[in-house]
Amino acid sequence: MSKLHLVFGGRVSDPQGLDFVDLGALDVVGLFPDYKSAEKAWRAAAQRTVDDAEMKYVVVHLHKLLQPDGE
């Protein structure tokens, strides 16, 4: 199974948390086959909004959600 990763971001109510304000306005950067390419995309997206403290981008390890017990 591929080590799928999802990169997305949006406006959060608290910069230290993950409570996205408007789920309909999330910026889905994309799906990536490995962490290295996902991290590169995350860095690029985060850098574009570096001056906006309420914008946050994250990398989600989809492969861990699909196989939570690690099998």
N, C-alpha and C. Protein backbone atom coordinates (compact mmCIF):
# COMPACT_ATOMS: atom_id res chain seq x y z
N MET A 1 0.84 -1.18 0.00
CA MET A 1 0.00 0.00 0.00
C MET A 1 0.88 1.24 0.00
N SER A 2 0.47 2.23 -0.75
CA SER A 2 1.19 3.51 -0.81
C SER A 2 1.10 4.22 0.53
N LYS A 3 2.07 5.04 0.80
CA LYS A 3 2.07 5.86 2.01
C LYS A 3 1.45 7.21 1.66
N LEU A 4 0.14 7.21 1.43
CA LEU A 4 -0.56 8.41 0.99
C LEU A 4 -0.57 9.51 2.05
N HIS A 5 -0.40 10.73 1.58
CA HIS A 5 -0.43 11.92 2.45
C HIS A 5 -1.31 12.98 1.80
N LEU A 6 -2.09 13.66 2.62
CA LEU A 6 -2.95 14.74 2.18
C LEU A 6 -2.42 16.04 2.78
N VAL A 7 -2.33 17.07 1.96
CA VAL A 7 -1.91 18.40 2.43
C VAL A 7 -3.07 19.37 2.19
N PHE A 8 -3.49 20.02 3.26
CA PHE A 8 -4.55 21.02 3.14
C PHE A 8 -4.36 22.08 4.20
N GLY A 9 -5.10 23.17 4.06
CA GLY A 9 -4.99 24.24 5.04
C GLY A 9 -6.19 25.16 4.97
N GLY A 10 -6.21 26.09 5.90
CA GLY A 10 -7.30 27.04 5.97
C GLY A 10 -7.17 27.93 7.19
N ARG A 11 -8.15 28.75 7.36
CA ARG A 11 -8.17 29.69 8.49
C ARG A 11 -8.58 28.95 9.76
N VAL A 12 -7.84 29.15 10.84
CA VAL A 12 -8.14 28.52 12.12
C VAL A 12 -8.55 29.58 13.14
N SER A 13 -9.33 29.16 14.12
CA SER A 13 -9.77 30.11 15.15
C SER A 13 -8.66 30.41 16.15
N ASP A 14 -7.75 29.47 16.34
CA ASP A 14 -6.61 29.64 17.25
C ASP A 14 -5.37 29.12 16.54
N PRO A 15 -4.35 29.95 16.35
CA PRO A 15 -3.16 29.51 15.62
C PRO A 15 -2.45 28.30 16.24
N GLN A 16 -2.71 28.02 17.50
CA GLN A 16 -2.08 26.86 18.14
C GLN A 16 -2.92 25.60 18.03
N GLY A 17 -4.10 25.71 17.42
CA GLY A 17 -4.99 24.57 17.32
C GLY A 17 -5.29 24.19 15.88
N LEU A 18 -6.24 23.26 15.74
CA LEU A 18 -6.64 22.77 14.42
C LEU A 18 -8.13 22.92 14.18
N ASP A 19 -8.74 23.92 14.81
CA ASP A 19 -10.17 24.17 14.63
C ASP A 19 -10.34 25.10 13.43
N PHE A 20 -10.60 24.50 12.26
CA PHE A 20 -10.74 25.29 11.04
C PHE A 20 -12.09 26.02 11.05
N VAL A 21 -12.05 27.29 10.73
CA VAL A 21 -13.22 28.17 10.81
C VAL A 21 -14.27 27.83 9.76
N ASP A 22 -13.87 27.65 8.51
CA ASP A 22 -14.80 27.41 7.42
C ASP A 22 -14.35 26.20 6.60
N LEU A 23 -14.94 25.04 6.88
CA LEU A 23 -14.53 23.82 6.19
C LEU A 23 -14.78 23.90 4.68
N GLY A 24 -15.75 24.69 4.27
CA GLY A 24 -16.03 24.86 2.86
C GLY A 24 -14.96 25.65 2.12
N ALA A 25 -14.13 26.37 2.86
CA ALA A 25 -13.11 27.20 2.24
C ALA A 25 -11.70 26.61 2.39
N LEU A 26 -11.61 25.33 2.78
CA LEU A 26 -10.29 24.72 2.92
C LEU A 26 -9.56 24.70 1.58
N ASP A 27 -8.28 24.91 1.64
CA ASP A 27 -7.43 24.84 0.45
C ASP A 27 -6.79 23.45 0.43
N VAL A 28 -7.29 22.58 -0.45
CA VAL A 28 -6.73 21.23 -0.57
C VAL A 28 -5.58 21.33 -1.57
N VAL A 29 -4.37 21.19 -1.05
CA VAL A 29 -3.17 21.29 -1.88
C VAL A 29 -3.04 20.04 -2.74
N GLY A 30 -3.27 18.86 -2.14
CA GLY A 30 -3.22 17.65 -2.94
C GLY A 30 -2.90 16.41 -2.14
N LEU A 31 -2.88 15.28 -2.87
CA LEU A 31 -2.50 13.97 -2.34
C LEU A 31 -1.11 13.65 -2.84
N PHE A 32 -0.29 13.05 -1.97
CA PHE A 32 1.10 12.79 -2.32
C PHE A 32 1.48 11.36 -1.93
N PRO A 33 2.34 10.72 -2.71
CA PRO A 33 2.67 9.31 -2.50
C PRO A 33 3.68 9.05 -1.39
N ASP A 34 4.31 10.11 -0.90
CA ASP A 34 5.31 9.92 0.17
C ASP A 34 5.41 11.21 1.00
N TYR A 35 5.99 11.07 2.18
CA TYR A 35 6.07 12.21 3.09
C TYR A 35 6.96 13.32 2.53
N LYS A 36 8.02 12.96 1.86
CA LYS A 36 8.95 13.97 1.34
C LYS A 36 8.26 14.93 0.38
N SER A 37 7.49 14.40 -0.56
CA SER A 37 6.79 15.29 -1.51
C SER A 37 5.65 16.05 -0.82
N ALA A 38 5.00 15.42 0.16
CA ALA A 38 3.95 16.12 0.92
C ALA A 38 4.54 17.27 1.72
N GLU A 39 5.68 17.03 2.34
CA GLU A 39 6.33 18.08 3.13
C GLU A 39 6.74 19.26 2.24
N LYS A 40 7.23 18.96 1.06
CA LYS A 40 7.63 20.02 0.11
C LYS A 40 6.42 20.88 -0.26
N ALA A 41 5.29 20.23 -0.53
CA ALA A 41 4.06 20.97 -0.87
C ALA A 41 3.55 21.75 0.33
N TRP A 42 3.63 21.16 1.52
CA TRP A 42 3.21 21.84 2.75
C TRP A 42 4.04 23.10 2.98
N ARG A 43 5.35 22.97 2.84
CA ARG A 43 6.23 24.14 3.04
C ARG A 43 5.90 25.26 2.06
N ALA A 44 5.67 24.91 0.81
CA ALA A 44 5.34 25.93 -0.20
C ALA A 44 4.03 26.62 0.13
N ALA A 45 3.01 25.86 0.52
CA ALA A 45 1.71 26.45 0.85
C ALA A 45 1.81 27.30 2.11
N ALA A 46 2.50 26.81 3.11
CA ALA A 46 2.64 27.56 4.37
C ALA A 46 3.43 28.85 4.14
N GLN A 47 4.43 28.80 3.29
CA GLN A 47 5.25 29.98 3.02
C GLN A 47 4.44 31.08 2.35
N ARG A 48 3.48 30.70 1.50
CA ARG A 48 2.64 31.71 0.84
C ARG A 48 1.81 32.51 1.84
N THR A 49 1.50 31.92 3.00
CA THR A 49 0.64 32.58 3.99
C THR A 49 1.38 32.86 5.29
N VAL A 50 2.70 32.94 5.23
CA VAL A 50 3.52 33.08 6.43
C VAL A 50 3.16 34.32 7.26
N ASP A 51 2.66 35.36 6.64
CA ASP A 51 2.33 36.59 7.36
C ASP A 51 0.92 36.59 7.94
N ASP A 52 0.16 35.54 7.71
CA ASP A 52 -1.21 35.44 8.22
C ASP A 52 -1.26 34.37 9.32
N ALA A 53 -1.23 34.79 10.57
CA ALA A 53 -1.17 33.86 11.70
C ALA A 53 -2.39 32.95 11.81
N GLU A 54 -3.49 33.31 11.18
CA GLU A 54 -4.71 32.50 11.27
C GLU A 54 -4.81 31.44 10.17
N MET A 55 -3.83 31.41 9.28
CA MET A 55 -3.80 30.39 8.23
C MET A 55 -2.85 29.28 8.65
N LYS A 56 -3.31 28.04 8.49
CA LYS A 56 -2.49 26.89 8.87
C LYS A 56 -2.64 25.80 7.84
N TYR A 57 -1.52 25.17 7.50
CA TYR A 57 -1.50 24.03 6.59
C TYR A 57 -0.99 22.81 7.36
N VAL A 58 -1.51 21.65 7.01
CA VAL A 58 -1.15 20.42 7.71
C VAL A 58 -0.92 19.28 6.71
N VAL A 59 -0.16 18.28 7.16
CA VAL A 59 0.03 17.05 6.42
C VAL A 59 -0.68 15.95 7.18
N VAL A 60 -1.57 15.23 6.51
CA VAL A 60 -2.31 14.13 7.13
C VAL A 60 -1.78 12.83 6.55
N HIS A 61 -1.41 11.90 7.42
CA HIS A 61 -0.90 10.59 7.01
C HIS A 61 -2.10 9.68 6.73
N LEU A 62 -2.60 9.71 5.51
CA LEU A 62 -3.79 8.93 5.16
C LEU A 62 -3.56 7.44 5.31
N HIS A 63 -2.35 6.97 5.06
CA HIS A 63 -2.08 5.54 5.17
C HIS A 63 -2.28 5.05 6.61
N LYS A 64 -2.07 5.92 7.58
CA LYS A 64 -2.30 5.54 8.98
C LYS A 64 -3.78 5.46 9.31
N LEU A 65 -4.59 6.26 8.62
CA LEU A 65 -6.03 6.20 8.82
C LEU A 65 -6.62 4.97 8.15
N LEU A 66 -6.05 4.58 7.01
CA LEU A 66 -6.56 3.43 6.28
C LEU A 66 -6.17 2.11 6.94
N GLN A 67 -5.02 2.09 7.62
CA GLN A 67 -4.55 0.90 8.33
C GLN A 67 -4.06 1.32 9.71
N PRO A 68 -4.97 1.64 10.62
CA PRO A 68 -4.56 2.18 11.92
C PRO A 68 -3.74 1.22 12.79
N ASP A 69 -3.87 -0.08 12.59
CA ASP A 69 -3.11 -1.01 13.43
C ASP A 69 -1.73 -1.33 12.86
N GLY A 70 -1.38 -0.71 11.74
CA GLY A 70 -0.05 -0.85 11.17
C GLY A 70 0.17 -2.11 10.37
N GLU A 71 -0.87 -2.84 10.07
CA GLU A 71 -0.71 -4.09 9.31
C GLU A 71 -0.41 -3.81 7.86
